[in-house]
C-alpha atoms as a PDB file:
ATOM      1  CA  MET A   1    -113.622  -9.885 179.984  1.00  0.00           C
ATOM      2  CA  THR A   2    -117.298  -8.969 178.988  1.00  0.00           C
ATOM      3  CA  GLY A   3    -119.094  -6.139 177.442  1.00  0.00           C
ATOM      4  CA  GLY A   4    -116.528  -5.593 174.668  1.00  0.00           C
ATOM      5  CA  ARG A   5    -113.753  -4.904 177.149  1.00  0.00           C
ATOM      6  CA  LEU A   6    -111.210  -7.175 175.482  1.00  0.00           C
ATOM      7  CA  GLU A   7    -111.784  -5.809 172.048  1.00  0.00           C
ATOM      8  CA  LEU A   8    -111.460  -2.183 173.369  1.00  0.00           C
ATOM      9  CA  LEU A   9    -108.191  -3.238 175.124  1.00  0.00           C
ATOM     10  CA  VAL A  10    -106.732  -4.864 172.097  1.00  0.00           C
ATOM     11  CA  LEU A  11    -107.627  -1.780 169.934  1.00  0.00           C
ATOM     12  CA  VAL A  12    -106.104   0.668 172.353  1.00  0.00           C
ATOM     13  CA  ALA A  13    -102.999  -1.460 172.812  1.00  0.00           C
ATOM     14  CA  GLY A  14    -102.632  -1.713 169.104  1.00  0.00           C
ATOM     15  CA  LEU A  15    -102.838   1.997 168.484  1.00  0.00           C
ATOM     16  CA  GLY A  16    -100.439   2.517 171.284  1.00  0.00           C
ATOM     17  CA  LEU A  17     -97.905   0.254 169.897  1.00  0.00           C
ATOM     18  CA  ALA A  18     -98.165   1.788 166.480  1.00  0.00           C
ATOM     19  CA  ALA A  19     -97.892   5.260 168.000  1.00  0.00           C
ATOM     20  CA  ALA A  20     -94.691   4.237 169.862  1.00  0.00           C
ATOM     21  CA  LEU A  21     -93.020   2.553 166.989  1.00  0.00           C
ATOM     22  CA  ALA A  22     -93.838   5.766 164.866  1.00  0.00           C
ATOM     23  CA  ASN A  23     -92.471   8.141 167.416  1.00  0.00           C
ATOM     24  CA  ALA A  24     -89.288   6.108 167.695  1.00  0.00           C
ATOM     25  CA  THR A  25     -88.482   5.432 163.995  1.00  0.00           C
ATOM     26  CA  LEU A  26     -90.087   8.201 161.773  1.00  0.00           C
ATOM     27  CA  GLY A  27     -89.139  11.790 161.091  1.00  0.00           C
ATOM     28  CA  ALA A  28     -90.950  15.099 161.731  1.00  0.00           C
ATOM     29  CA  TYR A  29     -92.898  15.052 158.354  1.00  0.00           C
ATOM     30  CA  GLU A  30     -94.049  11.408 158.796  1.00  0.00           C
ATOM     31  CA  LEU A  31     -95.131  12.055 162.527  1.00  0.00           C
ATOM     32  CA  THR A  32     -97.186  14.963 161.176  1.00  0.00           C
ATOM     33  CA  LEU A  33     -99.042  12.725 158.937  1.00  0.00           C
ATOM     34  CA  ILE A  34     -99.456  10.165 161.737  1.00  0.00           C
ATOM     35  CA  GLY A  35    -101.028  12.945 163.718  1.00  0.00           C
ATOM     36  CA  PHE A  36    -103.410  13.839 160.886  1.00  0.00           C
ATOM     37  CA  ALA A  37    -104.431  10.068 160.901  1.00  0.00           C
ATOM     38  CA  GLY A  38    -105.078  10.091 164.571  1.00  0.00           C
ATOM     39  CA  ILE A  39    -107.306  13.236 164.340  1.00  0.00           C
ATOM     40  CA  ASN A  40    -109.101  11.572 161.516  1.00  0.00           C
ATOM     41  CA  VAL A  41    -109.706   8.555 163.838  1.00  0.00           C
ATOM     42  CA  MET A  42    -111.186  10.792 166.440  1.00  0.00           C
ATOM     43  CA  LEU A  43    -113.495  12.334 164.002  1.00  0.00           C
ATOM     44  CA  ALA A  44    -114.697   9.112 162.326  1.00  0.00           C
ATOM     45  CA  VAL A  45    -115.250   7.429 165.732  1.00  0.00           C
ATOM     46  CA  SER A  46    -117.323  10.283 167.115  1.00  0.00           C
ATOM     47  CA  LEU A  47    -119.450  10.535 163.842  1.00  0.00           C
ATOM     48  CA  SER A  48    -120.042   6.777 163.738  1.00  0.00           C
ATOM     49  CA  PHE A  49    -121.275   7.053 167.443  1.00  0.00           C
ATOM     50  CA  SER A  50    -123.421   9.993 166.880  1.00  0.00           C
ATOM     51  CA  ASN A  51    -124.697   9.060 163.485  1.00  0.00           C
ATOM     52  CA  GLY A  52    -124.739   5.239 163.483  1.00  0.00           C
ATOM     53  CA  LEU A  53    -126.395   4.727 166.930  1.00  0.00           C
ATOM     54  CA  THR A  54    -129.077   7.384 166.630  1.00  0.00           C
ATOM     55  CA  GLY A  55    -129.799   7.040 162.881  1.00  0.00           C
ATOM     56  CA  LEU A  56    -128.991  10.713 162.232  1.00  0.00           C
ATOM     57  CA  PHE A  57    -127.298  12.001 159.156  1.00  0.00           C
ATOM     58  CA  SER A  58    -125.348  14.990 160.238  1.00  0.00           C
ATOM     59  CA  LEU A  59    -122.481  16.575 158.248  1.00  0.00           C
ATOM     60  CA  GLY A  60    -121.686  19.237 160.630  1.00  0.00           C
ATOM     61  CA  HIS A  61    -118.288  18.005 162.112  1.00  0.00           C
ATOM     62  CA  PRO A  62    -116.248  20.531 160.025  1.00  0.00           C
ATOM     63  CA  ALA A  63    -118.216  23.235 161.820  1.00  0.00           C
ATOM     64  CA  PHE A  64    -117.569  21.964 165.267  1.00  0.00           C
ATOM     65  CA  MET A  65    -113.901  21.477 164.299  1.00  0.00           C
ATOM     66  CA  MET A  66    -113.715  25.120 163.422  1.00  0.00           C
ATOM     67  CA  ILE A  67    -115.379  26.202 166.616  1.00  0.00           C
ATOM     68  CA  GLY A  68    -113.033  24.028 168.876  1.00  0.00           C
ATOM     69  CA  GLY A  69    -109.873  24.914 166.774  1.00  0.00           C
ATOM     70  CA  TYR A  70    -110.447  28.641 166.997  1.00  0.00           C
ATOM     71  CA  ILE A  71    -111.384  28.594 170.638  1.00  0.00           C
ATOM     72  CA  ALA A  72    -108.221  26.641 171.624  1.00  0.00           C
ATOM     73  CA  ALA A  73    -106.041  28.652 169.380  1.00  0.00           C
ATOM     74  CA  VAL A  74    -107.056  31.930 170.821  1.00  0.00           C
ATOM     75  CA  LEU A  75    -106.464  30.611 174.317  1.00  0.00           C
ATOM     76  CA  THR A  76    -103.075  29.334 173.683  1.00  0.00           C
ATOM     77  CA  TYR A  77    -101.899  32.226 171.379  1.00  0.00           C
ATOM     78  CA  PRO A  78     -98.910  34.185 172.745  1.00  0.00           C
ATOM     79  CA  ALA A  79    -100.082  37.202 174.675  1.00  0.00           C
ATOM     80  CA  ASN A  80     -97.535  39.447 173.353  1.00  0.00           C
ATOM     81  CA  ARG A  81     -98.931  38.927 169.833  1.00  0.00           C
ATOM     82  CA  LYS A  82    -102.627  39.249 170.572  1.00  0.00           C
ATOM     83  CA  ALA A  83    -102.463  43.058 170.764  1.00  0.00           C
ATOM     84  CA  PHE A  84    -101.779  43.477 167.055  1.00  0.00           C
ATOM     85  CA  MET A  85    -102.925  40.174 165.525  1.00  0.00           C
ATOM     86  CA  LEU A  86    -106.348  39.943 167.465  1.00  0.00           C
ATOM     87  CA  PRO A  87    -107.143  43.609 168.528  1.00  0.00           C
ATOM     88  CA  ASP A  88    -110.771  43.137 169.312  1.00  0.00           C
ATOM     89  CA  LEU A  89    -110.311  40.506 172.099  1.00  0.00           C
ATOM     90  CA  PRO A  90    -111.575  41.414 175.498  1.00  0.00           C
ATOM     91  CA  PRO A  91    -108.860  42.300 178.107  1.00  0.00           C
ATOM     92  CA  TRP A  92    -109.211  39.193 180.130  1.00  0.00           C
ATOM     93  CA  LEU A  93    -108.766  37.144 177.024  1.00  0.00           C
ATOM     94  CA  ALA A  94    -106.017  39.187 175.507  1.00  0.00           C
ATOM     95  CA  GLY A  95    -103.725  38.466 178.444  1.00  0.00           C
ATOM     96  CA  ALA A  96    -104.578  34.699 178.666  1.00  0.00           C
ATOM     97  CA  GLU A  97    -102.219  32.088 177.579  1.00  0.00           C
ATOM     98  CA  TRP A  98    -103.382  28.647 178.305  1.00  0.00           C
ATOM     99  CA  GLY A  99    -101.837  25.220 178.050  1.00  0.00           C
ATOM    100  CA  LEU A 100    -102.904  22.611 175.550  1.00  0.00           C
ATOM    101  CA  LEU A 101    -105.073  20.420 177.635  1.00  0.00           C
ATOM    102  CA  PRO A 102    -107.334  23.276 179.213  1.00  0.00           C
ATOM    103  CA  ALA A 103    -107.520  24.886 175.837  1.00  0.00           C
ATOM    104  CA  THR A 104    -108.574  21.688 174.168  1.00  0.00           C
ATOM    105  CA  ILE A 105    -111.217  21.008 176.833  1.00  0.00           C
ATOM    106  CA  ALA A 106    -112.536  24.542 176.307  1.00  0.00           C
ATOM    107  CA  GLY A 107    -112.810  23.933 172.580  1.00  0.00           C
ATOM    108  CA  ALA A 108    -114.609  20.746 173.036  1.00  0.00           C
ATOM    109  CA  ALA A 109    -116.932  22.478 175.586  1.00  0.00           C
ATOM    110  CA  GLY A 110    -117.624  25.395 173.148  1.00  0.00           C
ATOM    111  CA  ALA A 111    -118.402  22.985 170.304  1.00  0.00           C
ATOM    112  CA  ALA A 112    -120.830  20.993 172.429  1.00  0.00           C
ATOM    113  CA  ALA A 113    -122.477  24.101 173.627  1.00  0.00           C
ATOM    114  CA  VAL A 114    -123.101  25.226 170.062  1.00  0.00           C
ATOM    115  CA  ALA A 115    -124.271  21.827 169.166  1.00  0.00           C
ATOM    116  CA  VAL A 116    -126.928  22.035 172.075  1.00  0.00           C
ATOM    117  CA  VAL A 117    -128.165  25.386 170.866  1.00  0.00           C
ATOM    118  CA  VAL A 118    -128.355  24.358 167.253  1.00  0.00           C
ATOM    119  CA  GLY A 119    -129.629  20.780 167.974  1.00  0.00           C
ATOM    120  CA  PHE A 120    -132.963  21.957 169.458  1.00  0.00           C
ATOM    121  CA  PRO A 121    -134.391  23.062 166.179  1.00  0.00           C
ATOM    122  CA  VAL A 122    -132.145  20.974 163.847  1.00  0.00           C
ATOM    123  CA  LEU A 123    -132.690  17.500 165.157  1.00  0.00           C
ATOM    124  CA  ARG A 124    -136.384  17.863 164.376  1.00  0.00           C
ATOM    125  CA  LEU A 125    -135.383  17.133 160.922  1.00  0.00           C
ATOM    126  CA  ARG A 126    -134.636  13.631 159.339  1.00  0.00           C
ATOM    127  CA  GLY A 127    -132.591  12.219 156.455  1.00  0.00           C
ATOM    128  CA  HIS A 128    -131.429  14.663 153.720  1.00  0.00           C
ATOM    129  CA  TYR A 129    -133.152  17.502 155.342  1.00  0.00           C
ATOM    130  CA  LEU A 130    -130.874  17.127 158.419  1.00  0.00           C
ATOM    131  CA  ALA A 131    -127.907  16.705 156.089  1.00  0.00           C
ATOM    132  CA  VAL A 132    -128.514  19.983 154.298  1.00  0.00           C
ATOM    133  CA  ALA A 133    -129.205  21.873 157.601  1.00  0.00           C
ATOM    134  CA  THR A 134    -125.873  20.757 159.065  1.00  0.00           C
ATOM    135  CA  LEU A 135    -124.102  21.668 155.796  1.00  0.00           C
ATOM    136  CA  GLY A 136    -125.680  25.115 156.261  1.00  0.00           C
ATOM    137  CA  LEU A 137    -124.157  25.254 159.679  1.00  0.00           C
ATOM    138  CA  ILE A 138    -120.665  24.704 158.029  1.00  0.00           C
ATOM    139  CA  ILE A 139    -121.346  27.799 155.820  1.00  0.00           C
ATOM    140  CA  ILE A 140    -122.656  29.897 158.716  1.00  0.00           C
ATOM    141  CA  VAL A 141    -119.657  29.265 160.963  1.00  0.00           C
ATOM    142  CA  ARG A 142    -117.264  29.908 158.103  1.00  0.00           C
ATOM    143  CA  VAL A 143    -118.977  33.216 157.291  1.00  0.00           C
ATOM    144  CA  LEU A 144    -118.970  34.334 160.962  1.00  0.00           C
ATOM    145  CA  ILE A 145    -115.215  33.575 161.145  1.00  0.00           C
ATOM    146  CA  ASN A 146    -114.306  35.322 158.086  1.00  0.00           C
ATOM    147  CA  ASN A 147    -116.178  38.510 159.179  1.00  0.00           C
ATOM    148  CA  ALA A 148    -114.723  38.451 162.592  1.00  0.00           C
ATOM    149  CA  ASP A 149    -111.341  40.048 161.576  1.00  0.00           C
ATOM    150  CA  GLY A 150    -110.413  41.464 164.974  1.00  0.00           C
ATOM    151  CA  LEU A 151    -111.146  38.036 166.752  1.00  0.00           C
ATOM    152  CA  THR A 152    -109.952  35.402 164.325  1.00  0.00           C
ATOM    153  CA  ARG A 153    -108.031  37.306 161.500  1.00  0.00           C
ATOM    154  CA  GLY A 154    -110.774  36.271 159.175  1.00  0.00           C
ATOM    155  CA  ALA A 155    -110.037  34.667 155.759  1.00  0.00           C
ATOM    156  CA  LEU A 156    -106.238  35.667 156.372  1.00  0.00           C
ATOM    157  CA  GLY A 157    -106.081  32.811 158.793  1.00  0.00           C
ATOM    158  CA  LEU A 158    -104.513  32.679 162.231  1.00  0.00           C
ATOM    159  CA  SER A 159    -100.813  31.931 162.046  1.00  0.00           C
ATOM    160  CA  GLY A 160     -98.041  31.442 164.622  1.00  0.00           C
ATOM    161  CA  ILE A 161    -100.142  29.168 166.765  1.00  0.00           C
ATOM    162  CA  PRO A 162     -97.989  27.116 169.207  1.00  0.00           C
ATOM    163  CA  ARG A 163     -97.260  23.695 167.818  1.00  0.00           C
ATOM    164  CA  LEU A 164     -98.153  21.946 171.102  1.00  0.00           C
ATOM    165  CA  SER A 165     -99.863  18.811 169.474  1.00  0.00           C
ATOM    166  CA  GLY A 166     -97.729  15.652 169.000  1.00  0.00           C
ATOM    167  CA  VAL A 167     -98.204  11.877 168.622  1.00  0.00           C
ATOM    168  CA  TRP A 168     -98.858  11.290 172.231  1.00  0.00           C
ATOM    169  CA  SER A 169    -101.133  14.090 172.732  1.00  0.00           C
ATOM    170  CA  ILE A 170    -103.210  12.981 169.712  1.00  0.00           C
ATOM    171  CA  TYR A 171    -103.087   9.443 170.777  1.00  0.00           C
ATOM    172  CA  ALA A 172    -104.420  10.426 174.185  1.00  0.00           C
ATOM    173  CA  GLY A 173    -107.276  12.199 172.375  1.00  0.00           C
ATOM    174  CA  VAL A 174    -107.991   9.139 170.288  1.00  0.00           C
ATOM    175  CA  VAL A 175    -108.100   6.975 173.511  1.00  0.00           C
ATOM    176  CA  VAL A 176    -110.462   9.238 175.381  1.00  0.00           C
ATOM    177  CA  THR A 177    -112.702   9.506 172.335  1.00  0.00           C
ATOM    178  CA  LEU A 178    -112.684   5.759 171.764  1.00  0.00           C
ATOM    179  CA  VAL A 179    -113.112   4.643 175.305  1.00  0.00           C
ATOM    180  CA  ALA A 180    -115.991   7.121 175.926  1.00  0.00           C
ATOM    181  CA  CYS A 181    -117.900   6.210 172.684  1.00  0.00           C
ATOM    182  CA  TRP A 182    -117.201   2.448 173.207  1.00  0.00           C
ATOM    183  CA  ARG A 183    -118.443   2.456 176.817  1.00  0.00           C
ATOM    184  CA  LEU A 184    -121.495   4.412 176.029  1.00  0.00           C
ATOM    185  CA  LYS A 185    -122.286   2.115 173.118  1.00  0.00           C
ATOM    186  CA  HIS A 186    -122.110  -0.952 175.352  1.00  0.00           C
ATOM    187  CA  SER A 187    -124.167   0.558 178.163  1.00  0.00           C
ATOM    188  CA  SER A 188    -127.775   1.269 178.605  1.00  0.00           C
ATOM    189  CA  VAL A 189    -127.293   4.698 177.032  1.00  0.00           C
ATOM    190  CA  GLY A 190    -126.093   2.994 173.871  1.00  0.00           C
ATOM    191  CA  ARG A 191    -129.018   0.471 173.893  1.00  0.00           C
ATOM    192  CA  SER A 192    -131.489   3.437 174.319  1.00  0.00           C
ATOM    193  CA  LEU A 193    -130.005   5.250 171.335  1.00  0.00           C
ATOM    194  CA  MET A 194    -130.125   2.146 169.093  1.00  0.00           C
ATOM    195  CA  ALA A 195    -133.796   1.679 170.212  1.00  0.00           C
ATOM    196  CA  VAL A 196    -134.581   5.229 169.227  1.00  0.00           C
ATOM    197  CA  ARG A 197    -132.923   4.536 165.876  1.00  0.00           C
ATOM    198  CA  ASP A 198    -134.692   1.205 165.103  1.00  0.00           C
ATOM    199  CA  ASN A 199    -138.139   2.124 166.237  1.00  0.00           C
ATOM    200  CA  GLU A 200    -139.057   5.444 167.726  1.00  0.00           C
ATOM    201  CA  LEU A 201    -142.664   4.448 168.814  1.00  0.00           C
ATOM    202  CA  ALA A 202    -141.465   1.513 170.679  1.00  0.00           C
ATOM    203  CA  ALA A 203    -138.672   3.452 172.411  1.00  0.00           C
ATOM    204  CA  ALA A 204    -141.020   6.098 173.508  1.00  0.00           C
ATOM    205  CA  SER A 205    -143.457   3.629 174.825  1.00  0.00           C
ATOM    206  CA  ILE A 206    -140.884   2.242 177.228  1.00  0.00           C
ATOM    207  CA  GLY A 207    -139.975   5.625 178.585  1.00  0.00           C
ATOM    208  CA  ILE A 208    -136.943   6.646 176.413  1.00  0.00           C
ATOM    209  CA  ARG A 209    -136.820  10.454 175.722  1.00  0.00           C
ATOM    210  CA  LEU A 210    -136.239  10.654 172.002  1.00  0.00           C
ATOM    211  CA  ALA A 211    -135.253  14.386 171.778  1.00  0.00           C
ATOM    212  CA  ALA A 212    -132.919  14.220 174.750  1.00  0.00           C
ATOM    213  CA  SER A 213    -131.195  11.071 173.541  1.00  0.00           C
ATOM    214  CA  ARG A 214    -130.623  12.538 170.098  1.00  0.00           C
ATOM    215  CA  LEU A 215    -129.335  15.722 171.445  1.00  0.00           C
ATOM    216  CA  ALA A 216    -126.914  14.105 173.878  1.00  0.00           C
ATOM    217  CA  ALA A 217    -125.413  11.950 171.121  1.00  0.00           C
ATOM    218  CA  PHE A 218    -125.142  15.014 168.914  1.00  0.00           C
ATOM    219  CA  ALA A 219    -123.472  17.077 171.616  1.00  0.00           C
ATOM    220  CA  LEU A 220    -120.884  14.348 172.369  1.00  0.00           C
ATOM    221  CA  GLY A 221    -120.018  14.018 168.620  1.00  0.00           C
ATOM    222  CA  ALA A 222    -119.610  17.838 168.415  1.00  0.00           C
ATOM    223  CA  ALA A 223    -117.362  17.802 171.652  1.00  0.00           C
ATOM    224  CA  CYS A 224    -115.080  15.166 170.185  1.00  0.00           C
ATOM    225  CA  ALA A 225    -114.836  17.132 166.924  1.00  0.00           C
ATOM    226  CA  GLY A 226    -114.015  20.251 168.764  1.00  0.00           C
ATOM    227  CA  ALA A 227    -111.175  18.649 170.531  1.00  0.00           C
ATOM    228  CA  ALA A 228    -109.874  17.131 167.334  1.00  0.00           C
ATOM    229  CA  GLY A 229    -110.023  20.694 165.790  1.00  0.00           C
ATOM    230  CA  ALA A 230    -108.091  22.004 168.696  1.00  0.00           C
ATOM    231  CA  LEU A 231    -105.356  19.283 168.220  1.00  0.00           C
ATOM    232  CA  TRP A 232    -105.441  19.939 164.477  1.00  0.00           C
ATOM    233  CA  ALA A 233    -104.617  23.719 164.981  1.00  0.00           C
ATOM    234  CA  HIS A 234    -101.758  23.047 167.375  1.00  0.00           C
ATOM    235  CA  LEU A 235    -100.352  20.268 165.036  1.00  0.00           C
ATOM    236  CA  VAL A 236    -100.415  22.593 161.902  1.00  0.00           C
ATOM    237  CA  GLY A 237     -99.611  25.891 163.586  1.00  0.00           C
ATOM    238  CA  ASN A 238    -102.203  27.990 161.689  1.00  0.00           C
ATOM    239  CA  LEU A 239    -105.940  28.042 160.986  1.00  0.00           C
ATOM    240  CA  THR A 240    -108.016  29.199 158.086  1.00  0.00           C
ATOM    241  CA  PRO A 241    -111.738  28.727 157.611  1.00  0.00           C
ATOM    242  CA  ALA A 242    -111.180  27.074 154.138  1.00  0.00           C
ATOM    243  CA  SER A 243    -109.569  24.200 155.741  1.00  0.00           C
ATOM    244  CA  PHE A 244    -112.991  22.880 157.172  1.00  0.00           C
ATOM    245  CA  GLY A 245    -115.403  22.561 154.383  1.00  0.00           C
ATOM    246  CA  ILE A 246    -117.687  20.333 152.494  1.00  0.00           C
ATOM    247  CA  PRO A 247    -115.012  18.011 151.158  1.00  0.00           C
ATOM    248  CA  LEU A 248    -113.883  17.250 154.664  1.00  0.00           C
ATOM    249  CA  ALA A 249    -117.490  16.314 155.678  1.00  0.00           C
ATOM    250  CA  PHE A 250    -117.587  14.029 152.575  1.00  0.00           C
ATOM    251  CA  THR A 251    -114.315  12.306 153.554  1.00  0.00           C
ATOM    252  CA  LEU A 252    -115.621  11.634 157.158  1.00  0.00           C
ATOM    253  CA  VAL A 253    -118.939  10.241 155.878  1.00  0.00           C
ATOM    254  CA  ALA A 254    -116.917   7.947 153.524  1.00  0.00           C
ATOM    255  CA  MET A 255    -114.912   6.809 156.441  1.00  0.00           C
ATOM    256  CA  VAL A 256    -118.002   5.852 158.361  1.00  0.00           C
ATOM    257  CA  VAL A 257    -119.760   4.151 155.524  1.00  0.00           C
ATOM    258  CA  LEU A 258    -116.698   2.063 154.703  1.00  0.00           C
ATOM    259  CA  GLY A 259    -116.106   0.956 158.154  1.00  0.00           C
ATOM    260  CA  GLY A 260    -119.657   0.245 158.874  1.00  0.00           C
ATOM    261  CA  THR A 261    -122.222   2.641 160.332  1.00  0.00           C
ATOM    262  CA  GLY A 262    -122.281   2.319 164.099  1.00  0.00           C
ATOM    263  CA  SER A 263    -119.032   0.210 164.174  1.00  0.00           C
ATOM    264  CA  LEU A 264    -116.401   1.976 166.098  1.00  0.00           C
ATOM    265  CA  THR A 265    -113.686  -0.541 165.116  1.00  0.00           C
ATOM    266  CA  GLY A 266    -114.586  -0.159 161.403  1.00  0.00           C
ATOM    267  CA  ALA A 267    -114.327   3.734 161.748  1.00  0.00           C
ATOM    268  CA  VAL A 268    -110.748   3.395 163.129  1.00  0.00           C
ATOM    269  CA  ILE A 269    -109.752   1.026 160.271  1.00  0.00           C
ATOM    270  CA  ALA A 270    -111.329   3.068 157.548  1.00  0.00           C
ATOM    271  CA  ALA A 271    -109.964   6.327 159.062  1.00  0.00           C
ATOM    272  CA  LEU A 272    -106.443   4.963 159.075  1.00  0.00           C
ATOM    273  CA  ALA A 273    -106.712   3.420 155.547  1.00  0.00           C
ATOM    274  CA  LEU A 274    -108.076   6.607 153.912  1.00  0.00           C
ATOM    275  CA  SER A 275    -105.542   8.654 155.661  1.00  0.00           C
ATOM    276  CA  LEU A 276    -102.644   6.488 154.470  1.00  0.00           C
ATOM    277  CA  LEU A 277    -104.158   6.408 150.988  1.00  0.00           C
ATOM    278  CA  THR A 278    -104.497  10.190 150.810  1.00  0.00           C
ATOM    279  CA  ASP A 279    -100.782  10.484 151.938  1.00  0.00           C
ATOM    280  CA  ALA A 280     -99.731   7.863 149.378  1.00  0.00           C
ATOM    281  CA  LEU A 281    -101.388   9.435 146.467  1.00  0.00           C
ATOM    282  CA  ARG A 282    -100.494  13.070 147.151  1.00  0.00           C
ATOM    283  CA  PRO A 283     -96.983  12.878 145.442  1.00  0.00           C
ATOM    284  CA  LEU A 284     -98.621  11.298 142.382  1.00  0.00           C
ATOM    285  CA  GLU A 285    -101.167  14.162 142.342  1.00  0.00           C
ATOM    286  CA  GLN A 286     -98.381  16.784 142.445  1.00  0.00           C
ATOM    287  CA  ALA A 287     -95.994  14.879 139.956  1.00  0.00           C
ATOM    288  CA  ALA A 288     -98.567  14.133 137.301  1.00  0.00           C
ATOM    289  CA  GLY A 289    -100.819  17.215 137.964  1.00  0.00           C
ATOM    290  CA  LEU A 290    -103.843  14.833 138.574  1.00  0.00           C
ATOM    291  CA  TYR A 291    -105.276  16.983 141.214  1.00  0.00           C
ATOM    292  CA  GLY A 292    -108.302  15.589 142.748  1.00  0.00           C
ATOM    293  CA  LEU A 293    -107.241  11.972 142.191  1.00  0.00           C
ATOM    294  CA  THR A 294    -107.713  11.222 145.860  1.00  0.00           C
ATOM    295  CA  GLN A 295    -111.249  12.447 145.951  1.00  0.00           C
ATOM    296  CA  ILE A 296    -112.128  10.437 142.854  1.00  0.00           C
ATOM    297  CA  ILE A 297    -110.682   7.175 144.365  1.00  0.00           C
ATOM    298  CA  VAL A 298    -112.473   7.739 147.630  1.00  0.00           C
ATOM    299  CA  ALA A 299    -115.712   8.343 145.670  1.00  0.00           C
ATOM    300  CA  LEU A 300    -115.163   5.075 143.838  1.00  0.00           C
ATOM    301  CA  LEU A 301    -114.503   3.176 146.890  1.00  0.00           C
ATOM    302  CA  LEU A 302    -117.570   4.541 148.489  1.00  0.00           C
ATOM    303  CA  ILE A 303    -119.787   3.652 145.499  1.00  0.00           C
ATOM    304  CA  GLY A 304    -118.227   0.107 145.332  1.00  0.00           C
ATOM    305  CA  SER A 305    -118.925  -0.379 149.109  1.00  0.00           C
ATOM    306  CA  MET A 306    -122.485   0.638 148.643  1.00  0.00           C
ATOM    307  CA  ILE A 307    -123.035  -1.862 145.853  1.00  0.00           C
ATOM    308  CA  LEU A 308    -120.973  -4.974 147.010  1.00  0.00           C
ATOM    309  CA  ARG A 309    -121.311  -4.402 150.951  1.00  0.00           C
ATOM    310  CA  PRO A 310    -123.899  -1.789 151.860  1.00  0.00           C
ATOM    311  CA  ALA A 311    -123.347  -2.467 155.625  1.00  0.00           C
ATOM    312  CA  GLY A 312    -119.660  -1.576 155.406  1.00  0.00           C
ATOM    313  CA  LEU A 313    -116.729  -3.527 156.858  1.00  0.00           C
ATOM    314  CA  PHE A 314    -118.264  -4.529 160.086  1.00  0.00           C
ATOM    315  CA  GLY A 315    -121.812  -3.309 159.768  1.00  0.00           C
ATOM    316  CA  GLY A 316    -122.884  -2.009 163.141  1.00  0.00           C
ATOM    317  CA  ARG A 317    -120.885  -4.634 165.064  1.00  0.00           C
ATOM    318  CA  GLU A 318    -117.502  -4.951 166.728  1.00  0.00           C
ATOM    319  CA  PRO A 319    -115.099  -7.829 166.191  1.00  0.00           C
ATOM    320  CA  ARG A 320    -114.855 -10.493 168.844  1.00  0.00           C
ATOM    321  CA  PHE A 321    -111.222 -11.449 169.307  1.00  0.00           C
ATOM    322  CA  GLY A 322    -111.093 -15.207 170.296  1.00  0.00           C
ATOM    323  CA  ARG A 323    -114.438 -15.564 171.505  1.00  0.00           C
ATOM    324  CA  LYS A 324    -117.449 -17.231 170.012  1.00  0.00           C
ATOM    325  CA  ARG A 325    -120.789 -15.493 169.707  1.00  0.00           C
ATOM    326  CA  PRO A 326    -123.452 -16.755 171.791  1.00  0.00           C
ATOM    327  CA  ALA A 327    -125.754 -19.392 170.271  1.00  0.00           C
ATOM    328  CA  PRO A 328    -129.240 -17.900 169.209  1.00  0.00           C
ATOM    329  CA  PHE A 329    -132.019 -18.715 171.444  1.00  0.00           C
ATOM    330  CA  ARG A 330    -134.148 -21.584 170.181  1.00  0.00           C
ATOM    331  CA  THR A 331    -137.765 -21.377 170.547  1.00  0.00           C
ATOM    332  CA  GLU A 332    -138.473 -24.800 168.781  1.00  0.00           C
ATOM    333  CA  PRO A 333    -137.551 -28.089 170.232  1.00  0.00           C
ATOM    334  CA  SER A 334    -134.641 -30.105 168.870  1.00  0.00           C
ATOM    335  CA  ASN A 335    -135.143 -33.165 166.671  1.00  0.00           C
ATOM    336  CA  GLU A 336    -134.282 -35.435 169.485  1.00  0.00           C
ATOM    337  CA  ARG A 337    -136.874 -33.760 171.719  1.00  0.00           C
ATOM    338  CA  GLU A 338    -139.459 -34.021 169.026  1.00  0.00           C
ATOM    339  CA  GLU A 339    -138.709 -37.713 168.549  1.00  0.00           C
ATOM    340  CA  ALA A 340    -139.012 -38.314 172.292  1.00  0.00           C
ATOM    341  CA  ILE A 341    -142.366 -36.592 172.395  1.00  0.00           C
ATOM    342  CA  ARG A 342    -143.785 -38.701 169.480  1.00  0.00           C
END
């Protein structure tokens, strides 16, 4: 199996086995924590793809989560409650009551559409300028949702959302995200994105459209974040804009950096590890009153990783299970050949 298919198959099978064991042995609270970990995997993989392969430094995933989550929540919200909870909805939307799958697809499409509109001016920026612009997008989306009381319930939050997400629906979202990003990374599209990241002038000279490539990767990452937000809303059962802020953006960046920017396997491992660490430290924070301990530990891990291993766990590569890497091409003759020539 070539092109990274064996690695992808092993990764998907391992996640499926873990989901099956968790669903068979754990209780409702533990399954909810597993669901949060799966959503973090979706976010970290999509951010590693859009940022790692293109060289962008976008922090706007929480904004796209808000967009996707609210679109999906409004579409699945019980029609008999919309009249007094969301009075400003148009009639065709007030009577709609969709299922989880079409609502998640609609949330992903809405987030991708916003990313395309925002990406045209924003992706002209680079480095910390792009980071600040995408942080501003989080604030803009939060303010809009807070002020749209009749459509989103504003700062009060939207409660009573049907809890339609579970371990298997989130696992399906992880698989779709992972397969899409993996196949694109190991295709000509991924090679084009990496060429743009490494040398824009050389990439443009061979016909690669720089702006279109960046915009496509940005929109794909936003779509995955929108789908993750939809699953998050239907796992928790309520939505508030305060749930998607700058701390979440920092955590996602930490996952990508620790796993290795551009490495999808590293993003999966780092997302699972940080999710489990957060859940393990939460009782300690509550018992000892050490609130914020998790963020401090994550920050220290990030600093230590940048000092000791700046490339992260896997760098930009993926592991190769049971297969040797091809030997590098030698441009100089071997010693035996040199002796024969002499």
